[in-house]
Amino acid sequence: MMQIWERWMAGTVDEMVDPAMSRYVSASDVRKCVHVALLCVQENPADRPVMSSVVMMLDSETVSLQVPSKPAFFARNGGAKPGVASDESTAS
């Protein structure tokens, strides 16, 4: 999530999409999905949209979206959630 947030802030979300996908999905649709996803993981739960709003945001071509704030776990501890396994293997 940290990388997505940083790309969002830099305006480079499009660079994360596999070029082979560009024939199936538009860059504007990708940006909209990322925007809505970031709204859903904001620090303050009261700022997060309800599911009916999420559906409306994704379905509408004209709805204006609020600016997302930092994702909850990004703001607290730099991207790692306590107690969640990382990509590193713990087996020896």
PDB file of N, CA and C in Angstrom:
ATOM      1  N   MET A   1       0.827  -1.188   0.000  1.00  0.00           N
ATOM      2  CA  MET A   1       0.000   0.000   0.000  1.00  0.00           C
ATOM      3  C   MET A   1       0.873   1.253   0.000  1.00  0.00           C
ATOM      4  N   MET A   2       2.011   1.168   0.661  1.00  0.00           N
ATOM      5  CA  MET A   2       2.898   2.325   0.724  1.00  0.00           C
ATOM      6  C   MET A   2       3.314   2.765  -0.685  1.00  0.00           C
ATOM      7  N   GLN A   3       3.659   1.814  -1.540  1.00  0.00           N
ATOM      8  CA  GLN A   3       4.089   2.154  -2.900  1.00  0.00           C
ATOM      9  C   GLN A   3       2.942   2.794  -3.686  1.00  0.00           C
ATOM     10  N   ILE A   4       1.749   2.280  -3.509  1.00  0.00           N
ATOM     11  CA  ILE A   4       0.595   2.846  -4.216  1.00  0.00           C
ATOM     12  C   ILE A   4       0.344   4.273  -3.744  1.00  0.00           C
ATOM     13  N   TRP A   5       0.393   4.482  -2.421  1.00  0.00           N
ATOM     14  CA  TRP A   5       0.189   5.830  -1.883  1.00  0.00           C
ATOM     15  C   TRP A   5       1.244   6.799  -2.426  1.00  0.00           C
ATOM     16  N   GLU A   6       2.491   6.371  -2.412  1.00  0.00           N
ATOM     17  CA  GLU A   6       3.563   7.235  -2.906  1.00  0.00           C
ATOM     18  C   GLU A   6       3.388   7.544  -4.391  1.00  0.00           C
ATOM     19  N   ARG A   7       2.982   6.544  -5.170  1.00  0.00           N
ATOM     20  CA  ARG A   7       2.732   6.766  -6.604  1.00  0.00           C
ATOM     21  C   ARG A   7       1.545   7.701  -6.802  1.00  0.00           C
ATOM     22  N   TRP A   8       0.519   7.550  -5.971  1.00  0.00           N
ATOM     23  CA  TRP A   8      -0.652   8.416  -6.055  1.00  0.00           C
ATOM     24  C   TRP A   8      -0.241   9.869  -5.804  1.00  0.00           C
ATOM     25  N   MET A   9       0.532  10.073  -4.770  1.00  0.00           N
ATOM     26  CA  MET A   9       0.963  11.427  -4.421  1.00  0.00           C
ATOM     27  C   MET A   9       1.863  12.024  -5.509  1.00  0.00           C
ATOM     28  N   ALA A  10       2.650  11.182  -6.158  1.00  0.00           N
ATOM     29  CA  ALA A  10       3.553  11.647  -7.218  1.00  0.00           C
ATOM     30  C   ALA A  10       2.854  11.753  -8.577  1.00  0.00           C
ATOM     31  N   GLY A  11       1.622  11.234  -8.666  1.00  0.00           N
ATOM     32  CA  GLY A  11       0.905  11.262  -9.941  1.00  0.00           C
ATOM     33  C   GLY A  11       1.408  10.243 -10.943  1.00  0.00           C
ATOM     34  N   THR A  12       1.983   9.148 -10.441  1.00  0.00           N
ATOM     35  CA  THR A  12       2.573   8.143 -11.337  1.00  0.00           C
ATOM     36  C   THR A  12       1.919   6.763 -11.201  1.00  0.00           C
ATOM     37  N   VAL A  13       0.660   6.721 -10.804  1.00  0.00           N
ATOM     38  CA  VAL A  13      -0.052   5.444 -10.654  1.00  0.00           C
ATOM     39  C   VAL A  13      -0.055   4.666 -11.964  1.00  0.00           C
ATOM     40  N   ASP A  14      -0.183   5.365 -13.080  1.00  0.00           N
ATOM     41  CA  ASP A  14      -0.239   4.701 -14.390  1.00  0.00           C
ATOM     42  C   ASP A  14       0.980   3.821 -14.646  1.00  0.00           C
ATOM     43  N   GLU A  15       2.116   4.189 -14.093  1.00  0.00           N
ATOM     44  CA  GLU A  15       3.347   3.434 -14.315  1.00  0.00           C
ATOM     45  C   GLU A  15       3.328   2.054 -13.659  1.00  0.00           C
ATOM     46  N   MET A  16       2.388   1.824 -12.754  1.00  0.00           N
ATOM     47  CA  MET A  16       2.309   0.537 -12.066  1.00  0.00           C
ATOM     48  C   MET A  16       1.552  -0.510 -12.879  1.00  0.00           C
ATOM     49  N   VAL A  17       0.834  -0.078 -13.891  1.00  0.00           N
ATOM     50  CA  VAL A  17       0.001  -0.988 -14.675  1.00  0.00           C
ATOM     51  C   VAL A  17       0.843  -1.681 -15.735  1.00  0.00           C
ATOM     52  N   ASP A  18       0.689  -2.982 -15.819  1.00  0.00           N
ATOM     53  CA  ASP A  18       1.378  -3.766 -16.845  1.00  0.00           C
ATOM     54  C   ASP A  18       0.937  -3.256 -18.219  1.00  0.00           C
ATOM     55  N   PRO A  19       1.881  -2.909 -19.084  1.00  0.00           N
ATOM     56  CA  PRO A  19       1.526  -2.396 -20.416  1.00  0.00           C
ATOM     57  C   PRO A  19       0.611  -3.341 -21.204  1.00  0.00           C
ATOM     58  N   ALA A  20       0.705  -4.626 -20.959  1.00  0.00           N
ATOM     59  CA  ALA A  20      -0.155  -5.581 -21.661  1.00  0.00           C
ATOM     60  C   ALA A  20      -1.626  -5.398 -21.277  1.00  0.00           C
ATOM     61  N   MET A  21      -1.887  -4.787 -20.130  1.00  0.00           N
ATOM     62  CA  MET A  21      -3.261  -4.573 -19.681  1.00  0.00           C
ATOM     63  C   MET A  21      -3.908  -3.360 -20.346  1.00  0.00           C
ATOM     64  N   SER A  22      -3.114  -2.505 -20.960  1.00  0.00           N
ATOM     65  CA  SER A  22      -3.653  -1.264 -21.521  1.00  0.00           C
ATOM     66  C   SER A  22      -4.687  -1.507 -22.618  1.00  0.00           C
ATOM     67  N   ARG A  23      -4.674  -2.662 -23.230  1.00  0.00           N
ATOM     68  CA  ARG A  23      -5.687  -2.956 -24.252  1.00  0.00           C
ATOM     69  C   ARG A  23      -7.020  -3.343 -23.616  1.00  0.00           C
ATOM     70  N   TYR A  24      -7.014  -3.667 -22.317  1.00  0.00           N
ATOM     71  CA  TYR A  24      -8.231  -4.107 -21.640  1.00  0.00           C
ATOM     72  C   TYR A  24      -8.819  -3.064 -20.699  1.00  0.00           C
ATOM     73  N   VAL A  25      -7.984  -2.173 -20.199  1.00  0.00           N
ATOM     74  CA  VAL A  25      -8.453  -1.195 -19.216  1.00  0.00           C
ATOM     75  C   VAL A  25      -7.786   0.151 -19.489  1.00  0.00           C
ATOM     76  N   SER A  26      -8.563   1.209 -19.350  1.00  0.00           N
ATOM     77  CA  SER A  26      -8.016   2.546 -19.609  1.00  0.00           C
ATOM     78  C   SER A  26      -7.264   3.064 -18.387  1.00  0.00           C
ATOM     79  N   ALA A  27      -6.350   3.959 -18.629  1.00  0.00           N
ATOM     80  CA  ALA A  27      -5.582   4.573 -17.538  1.00  0.00           C
ATOM     81  C   ALA A  27      -6.513   5.320 -16.590  1.00  0.00           C
ATOM     82  N   SER A  28      -7.545   5.949 -17.114  1.00  0.00           N
ATOM     83  CA  SER A  28      -8.477   6.682 -16.247  1.00  0.00           C
ATOM     84  C   SER A  28      -9.252   5.728 -15.340  1.00  0.00           C
ATOM     85  N   ASP A  29      -9.595   4.534 -15.836  1.00  0.00           N
ATOM     86  CA  ASP A  29     -10.266   3.541 -14.988  1.00  0.00           C
ATOM     87  C   ASP A  29      -9.335   3.047 -13.882  1.00  0.00           C
ATOM     88  N   VAL A  30      -8.076   2.862 -14.206  1.00  0.00           N
ATOM     89  CA  VAL A  30      -7.096   2.443 -13.197  1.00  0.00           C
ATOM     90  C   VAL A  30      -6.978   3.514 -12.126  1.00  0.00           C
ATOM     91  N   ARG A  31      -6.840   4.761 -12.543  1.00  0.00           N
ATOM     92  CA  ARG A  31      -6.730   5.861 -11.576  1.00  0.00           C
ATOM     93  C   ARG A  31      -7.967   5.946 -10.692  1.00  0.00           C
ATOM     94  N   LYS A  32      -9.142   5.753 -11.282  1.00  0.00           N
ATOM     95  CA  LYS A  32     -10.373   5.809 -10.497  1.00  0.00           C
ATOM     96  C   LYS A  32     -10.407   4.684  -9.467  1.00  0.00           C
ATOM     97  N   CYS A  33     -10.048   3.476  -9.865  1.00  0.00           N
ATOM     98  CA  CYS A  33     -10.042   2.342  -8.930  1.00  0.00           C
ATOM     99  C   CYS A  33      -9.060   2.564  -7.786  1.00  0.00           C
ATOM    100  N   VAL A  34      -7.886   3.074  -8.101  1.00  0.00           N
ATOM    101  CA  VAL A  34      -6.895   3.359  -7.059  1.00  0.00           C
ATOM    102  C   VAL A  34      -7.409   4.463  -6.144  1.00  0.00           C
ATOM    103  N   HIS A  35      -8.003   5.485  -6.714  1.00  0.00           N
ATOM    104  CA  HIS A  35      -8.546   6.596  -5.932  1.00  0.00           C
ATOM    105  C   HIS A  35      -9.590   6.083  -4.937  1.00  0.00           C
ATOM    106  N   VAL A  36     -10.545   5.297  -5.420  1.00  0.00           N
ATOM    107  CA  VAL A  36     -11.591   4.756  -4.554  1.00  0.00           C
ATOM    108  C   VAL A  36     -10.986   3.830  -3.497  1.00  0.00           C
ATOM    109  N   ALA A  37     -10.031   3.008  -3.889  1.00  0.00           N
ATOM    110  CA  ALA A  37      -9.376   2.115  -2.925  1.00  0.00           C
ATOM    111  C   ALA A  37      -8.705   2.913  -1.818  1.00  0.00           C
ATOM    112  N   LEU A  38      -8.039   3.996  -2.173  1.00  0.00           N
ATOM    113  CA  LEU A  38      -7.390   4.827  -1.153  1.00  0.00           C
ATOM    114  C   LEU A  38      -8.411   5.490  -0.234  1.00  0.00           C
ATOM    115  N   LEU A  39      -9.566   5.839  -0.756  1.00  0.00           N
ATOM    116  CA  LEU A  39     -10.622   6.382   0.101  1.00  0.00           C
ATOM    117  C   LEU A  39     -11.092   5.341   1.116  1.00  0.00           C
ATOM    118  N   CYS A  40     -11.069   4.081   0.724  1.00  0.00           N
ATOM    119  CA  CYS A  40     -11.560   2.993   1.583  1.00  0.00           C
ATOM    120  C   CYS A  40     -10.607   2.614   2.715  1.00  0.00           C
ATOM    121  N   VAL A  41      -9.364   3.062   2.658  1.00  0.00           N
ATOM    122  CA  VAL A  41      -8.388   2.677   3.692  1.00  0.00           C
ATOM    123  C   VAL A  41      -7.836   3.891   4.440  1.00  0.00           C
ATOM    124  N   GLN A  42      -8.596   4.983   4.459  1.00  0.00           N
ATOM    125  CA  GLN A  42      -8.147   6.181   5.159  1.00  0.00           C
ATOM    126  C   GLN A  42      -8.036   5.933   6.661  1.00  0.00           C
ATOM    127  N   GLU A  43      -7.179   6.710   7.306  1.00  0.00           N
ATOM    128  CA  GLU A  43      -6.917   6.585   8.746  1.00  0.00           C
ATOM    129  C   GLU A  43      -8.200   6.643   9.575  1.00  0.00           C
ATOM    130  N   ASN A  44      -9.014   7.643   9.342  1.00  0.00           N
ATOM    131  CA  ASN A  44     -10.235   7.825  10.120  1.00  0.00           C
ATOM    132  C   ASN A  44     -11.374   7.034   9.480  1.00  0.00           C
ATOM    133  N   PRO A  45     -11.899   6.027  10.181  1.00  0.00           N
ATOM    134  CA  PRO A  45     -12.988   5.228   9.606  1.00  0.00           C
ATOM    135  C   PRO A  45     -14.199   6.064   9.184  1.00  0.00           C
ATOM    136  N   ALA A  46     -14.438   7.167   9.859  1.00  0.00           N
ATOM    137  CA  ALA A  46     -15.576   8.021   9.506  1.00  0.00           C
ATOM    138  C   ALA A  46     -15.394   8.671   8.135  1.00  0.00           C
ATOM    139  N   ASP A  47     -14.155   8.764   7.666  1.00  0.00           N
ATOM    140  CA  ASP A  47     -13.874   9.352   6.355  1.00  0.00           C
ATOM    141  C   ASP A  47     -14.010   8.347   5.221  1.00  0.00           C
ATOM    142  N   ARG A  48     -14.092   7.073   5.559  1.00  0.00           N
ATOM    143  CA  ARG A  48     -14.179   6.025   4.532  1.00  0.00           C
ATOM    144  C   ARG A  48     -15.596   5.958   3.967  1.00  0.00           C
ATOM    145  N   PRO A  49     -15.733   5.737   2.672  1.00  0.00           N
ATOM    146  CA  PRO A  49     -17.075   5.654   2.086  1.00  0.00           C
ATOM    147  C   PRO A  49     -17.768   4.342   2.454  1.00  0.00           C
ATOM    148  N   VAL A  50     -19.099   4.400   2.509  1.00  0.00           N
ATOM    149  CA  VAL A  50     -19.882   3.179   2.704  1.00  0.00           C
ATOM    150  C   VAL A  50     -19.933   2.439   1.366  1.00  0.00           C
ATOM    151  N   MET A  51     -20.270   1.164   1.407  1.00  0.00           N
ATOM    152  CA  MET A  51     -20.214   0.339   0.200  1.00  0.00           C
ATOM    153  C   MET A  51     -21.109   0.871  -0.918  1.00  0.00           C
ATOM    154  N   SER A  52     -22.282   1.381  -0.580  1.00  0.00           N
ATOM    155  CA  SER A  52     -23.153   1.912  -1.638  1.00  0.00           C
ATOM    156  C   SER A  52     -22.491   3.100  -2.343  1.00  0.00           C
ATOM    157  N   SER A  53     -21.739   3.892  -1.602  1.00  0.00           N
ATOM    158  CA  SER A  53     -21.009   5.008  -2.220  1.00  0.00           C
ATOM    159  C   SER A  53     -19.873   4.509  -3.098  1.00  0.00           C
ATOM    160  N   VAL A  54     -19.208   3.445  -2.653  1.00  0.00           N
ATOM    161  CA  VAL A  54     -18.126   2.858  -3.452  1.00  0.00           C
ATOM    162  C   VAL A  54     -18.669   2.391  -4.797  1.00  0.00           C
ATOM    163  N   VAL A  55     -19.786   1.699  -4.770  1.00  0.00           N
ATOM    164  CA  VAL A  55     -20.403   1.212  -6.006  1.00  0.00           C
ATOM    165  C   VAL A  55     -20.762   2.389  -6.911  1.00  0.00           C
ATOM    166  N   MET A  56     -21.354   3.436  -6.330  1.00  0.00           N
ATOM    167  CA  MET A  56     -21.729   4.610  -7.118  1.00  0.00           C
ATOM    168  C   MET A  56     -20.488   5.280  -7.720  1.00  0.00           C
ATOM    169  N   MET A  57     -19.420   5.407  -6.926  1.00  0.00           N
ATOM    170  CA  MET A  57     -18.196   6.044  -7.425  1.00  0.00           C
ATOM    171  C   MET A  57     -17.604   5.265  -8.596  1.00  0.00           C
ATOM    172  N   LEU A  58     -17.596   3.952  -8.480  1.00  0.00           N
ATOM    173  CA  LEU A  58     -17.011   3.125  -9.536  1.00  0.00           C
ATOM    174  C   LEU A  58     -17.885   3.087 -10.787  1.00  0.00           C
ATOM    175  N   ASP A  59     -19.189   3.191 -10.591  1.00  0.00           N
ATOM    176  CA  ASP A  59     -20.124   3.082 -11.708  1.00  0.00           C
ATOM    177  C   ASP A  59     -20.327   4.402 -12.454  1.00  0.00           C
ATOM    178  N   SER A  60     -20.131   5.511 -11.777  1.00  0.00           N
ATOM    179  CA  SER A  60     -20.425   6.817 -12.360  1.00  0.00           C
ATOM    180  C   SER A  60     -19.237   7.396 -13.119  1.00  0.00           C
ATOM    181  N   GLU A  61     -19.541   8.067 -14.205  1.00  0.00           N
ATOM    182  CA  GLU A  61     -18.512   8.760 -14.985  1.00  0.00           C
ATOM    183  C   GLU A  61     -18.358  10.204 -14.526  1.00  0.00           C
ATOM    184  N   THR A  62     -19.344  10.718 -13.777  1.00  0.00           N
ATOM    185  CA  THR A  62     -19.347  12.142 -13.464  1.00  0.00           C
ATOM    186  C   THR A  62     -19.181  12.478 -11.986  1.00  0.00           C
ATOM    187  N   VAL A  63     -19.201  11.500 -11.112  1.00  0.00           N
ATOM    188  CA  VAL A  63     -19.089  11.787  -9.679  1.00  0.00           C
ATOM    189  C   VAL A  63     -17.703  12.341  -9.357  1.00  0.00           C
ATOM    190  N   SER A  64     -17.669  13.372  -8.513  1.00  0.00           N
ATOM    191  CA  SER A  64     -16.367  13.908  -8.105  1.00  0.00           C
ATOM    192  C   SER A  64     -15.962  13.233  -6.795  1.00  0.00           C
ATOM    193  N   LEU A  65     -14.703  12.861  -6.719  1.00  0.00           N
ATOM    194  CA  LEU A  65     -14.199  12.123  -5.564  1.00  0.00           C
ATOM    195  C   LEU A  65     -13.392  13.045  -4.665  1.00  0.00           C
ATOM    196  N   GLN A  66     -13.556  12.855  -3.356  1.00  0.00           N
ATOM    197  CA  GLN A  66     -12.761  13.652  -2.414  1.00  0.00           C
ATOM    198  C   GLN A  66     -11.301  13.220  -2.470  1.00  0.00           C
ATOM    199  N   VAL A  67     -10.432  14.049  -1.969  1.00  0.00           N
ATOM    200  CA  VAL A  67      -9.004  13.743  -1.940  1.00  0.00           C
ATOM    201  C   VAL A  67      -8.752  12.780  -0.783  1.00  0.00           C
ATOM    202  N   PRO A  68      -8.122  11.633  -1.042  1.00  0.00           N
ATOM    203  CA  PRO A  68      -7.874  10.684   0.047  1.00  0.00           C
ATOM    204  C   PRO A  68      -6.760  11.166   0.970  1.00  0.00           C
ATOM    205  N   SER A  69      -6.876  10.769   2.241  1.00  0.00           N
ATOM    206  CA  SER A  69      -5.788  11.016   3.183  1.00  0.00           C
ATOM    207  C   SER A  69      -4.934   9.756   3.246  1.00  0.00           C
ATOM    208  N   LYS A  70      -3.822   9.830   3.958  1.00  0.00           N
ATOM    209  CA  LYS A  70      -2.919   8.677   4.034  1.00  0.00           C
ATOM    210  C   LYS A  70      -3.662   7.431   4.502  1.00  0.00           C
ATOM    211  N   PRO A  71      -3.289   6.279   3.959  1.00  0.00           N
ATOM    212  CA  PRO A  71      -3.874   5.023   4.437  1.00  0.00           C
ATOM    213  C   PRO A  71      -3.591   4.831   5.924  1.00  0.00           C
ATOM    214  N   ALA A  72      -4.495   4.175   6.618  1.00  0.00           N
ATOM    215  CA  ALA A  72      -4.406   4.006   8.066  1.00  0.00           C
ATOM    216  C   ALA A  72      -3.085   3.401   8.512  1.00  0.00           C
ATOM    217  N   PHE A  73      -2.703   2.266   7.966  1.00  0.00           N
ATOM    218  CA  PHE A  73      -1.493   1.604   8.453  1.00  0.00           C
ATOM    219  C   PHE A  73      -0.234   2.298   7.973  1.00  0.00           C
ATOM    220  N   PHE A  74      -0.305   3.015   6.869  1.00  0.00           N
ATOM    221  CA  PHE A  74       0.849   3.787   6.396  1.00  0.00           C
ATOM    222  C   PHE A  74       1.142   4.921   7.378  1.00  0.00           C
ATOM    223  N   ALA A  75       0.100   5.574   7.851  1.00  0.00           N
ATOM    224  CA  ALA A  75       0.265   6.719   8.738  1.00  0.00           C
ATOM    225  C   ALA A  75       0.788   6.297  10.106  1.00  0.00           C
ATOM    226  N   ARG A  76       0.430   5.113  10.554  1.00  0.00           N
ATOM    227  CA  ARG A  76       0.823   4.679  11.891  1.00  0.00           C
ATOM    228  C   ARG A  76       2.235   4.148  11.960  1.00  0.00           C
ATOM    229  N   ASN A  77       2.609   3.266  11.023  1.00  0.00           N
ATOM    230  CA  ASN A  77       3.906   2.616  11.193  1.00  0.00           C
ATOM    231  C   ASN A  77       4.614   2.313   9.879  1.00  0.00           C
ATOM    232  N   GLY A  78       4.461   3.159   8.924  1.00  0.00           N
ATOM    233  CA  GLY A  78       5.247   3.054   7.703  1.00  0.00           C
ATOM    234  C   GLY A  78       4.893   1.911   6.787  1.00  0.00           C
ATOM    235  N   GLY A  79       3.730   1.304   6.937  1.00  0.00           N
ATOM    236  CA  GLY A  79       3.303   0.308   5.978  1.00  0.00           C
ATOM    237  C   GLY A  79       3.175  -1.096   6.510  1.00  0.00           C
ATOM    238  N   ALA A  80       3.807  -1.412   7.626  1.00  0.00           N
ATOM    239  CA  ALA A  80       3.721  -2.771   8.157  1.00  0.00           C
ATOM    240  C   ALA A  80       2.703  -2.811   9.279  1.00  0.00           C
ATOM    241  N   LYS A  81       1.822  -3.784   9.235  1.00  0.00           N
ATOM    242  CA  LYS A  81       0.858  -3.962  10.305  1.00  0.00           C
ATOM    243  C   LYS A  81       1.441  -4.916  11.334  1.00  0.00           C
ATOM    244  N   PRO A  82       1.315  -4.599  12.614  1.00  0.00           N
ATOM    245  CA  PRO A  82       1.808  -5.513  13.637  1.00  0.00           C
ATOM    246  C   PRO A  82       1.112  -6.866  13.537  1.00  0.00           C
ATOM    247  N   GLY A  83       1.873  -7.924  13.661  1.00  0.00           N
ATOM    248  CA  GLY A  83       1.311  -9.265  13.658  1.00  0.00           C
ATOM    249  C   GLY A  83       1.007  -9.827  12.288  1.00  0.00           C
ATOM    250  N   VAL A  84       1.308  -9.104  11.232  1.00  0.00           N
ATOM    251  CA  VAL A  84       1.063  -9.589   9.878  1.00  0.00           C
ATOM    252  C   VAL A  84       2.385 -10.076   9.306  1.00  0.00           C
ATOM    253  N   ALA A  85       2.363 -11.278   8.761  1.00  0.00           N
ATOM    254  CA  ALA A  85       3.590 -11.868   8.217  1.00  0.00           C
ATOM    255  C   ALA A  85       4.100 -11.044   7.046  1.00  0.00           C
ATOM    256  N   SER A  86       5.399 -10.959   6.934  1.00  0.00           N
ATOM    257  CA  SER A  86       6.008 -10.258   5.808  1.00  0.00           C
ATOM    258  C   SER A  86       6.319 -11.254   4.709  1.00  0.00           C
ATOM    259  N   ASP A  87       6.958 -10.785   3.659  1.00  0.00           N
ATOM    260  CA  ASP A  87       7.342 -11.658   2.555  1.00  0.00           C
ATOM    261  C   ASP A  87       8.522 -12.548   2.906  1.00  0.00           C
ATOM    262  N   GLU A  88       9.198 -12.214   3.981  1.00  0.00           N
ATOM    263  CA  GLU A  88      10.370 -12.994   4.353  1.00  0.00           C
ATOM    264  C   GLU A  88       9.944 -14.319   4.977  1.00  0.00           C
ATOM    265  N   SER A  89      10.631 -15.362   4.623  1.00  0.00           N
ATOM    266  CA  SER A  89      10.336 -16.679   5.168  1.00  0.00           C
ATOM    267  C   SER A  89      10.918 -16.800   6.566  1.00  0.00           C
ATOM    268  N   THR A  90      10.151 -17.430   7.461  1.00  0.00           N
ATOM    269  CA  THR A  90      10.646 -17.636   8.819  1.00  0.00           C
ATOM    270  C   THR A  90      11.082 -19.073   9.034  1.00  0.00           C
ATOM    271  N   ALA A  91      10.947 -19.907   8.013  1.00  0.00           N
ATOM    272  CA  ALA A  91      11.357 -21.312   8.131  1.00  0.00           C
ATOM    273  C   ALA A  91      12.871 -21.417   8.039  1.00  0.00           C
ATOM    274  N   SER A  92      13.415 -22.374   8.786  1.00  0.00           N
ATOM    275  CA  SER A  92      14.866 -22.575   8.694  1.00  0.00           C
ATOM    276  C   SER A  92      15.197 -24.032   8.525  1.00  0.00           C
TER     277      SER A  92
END
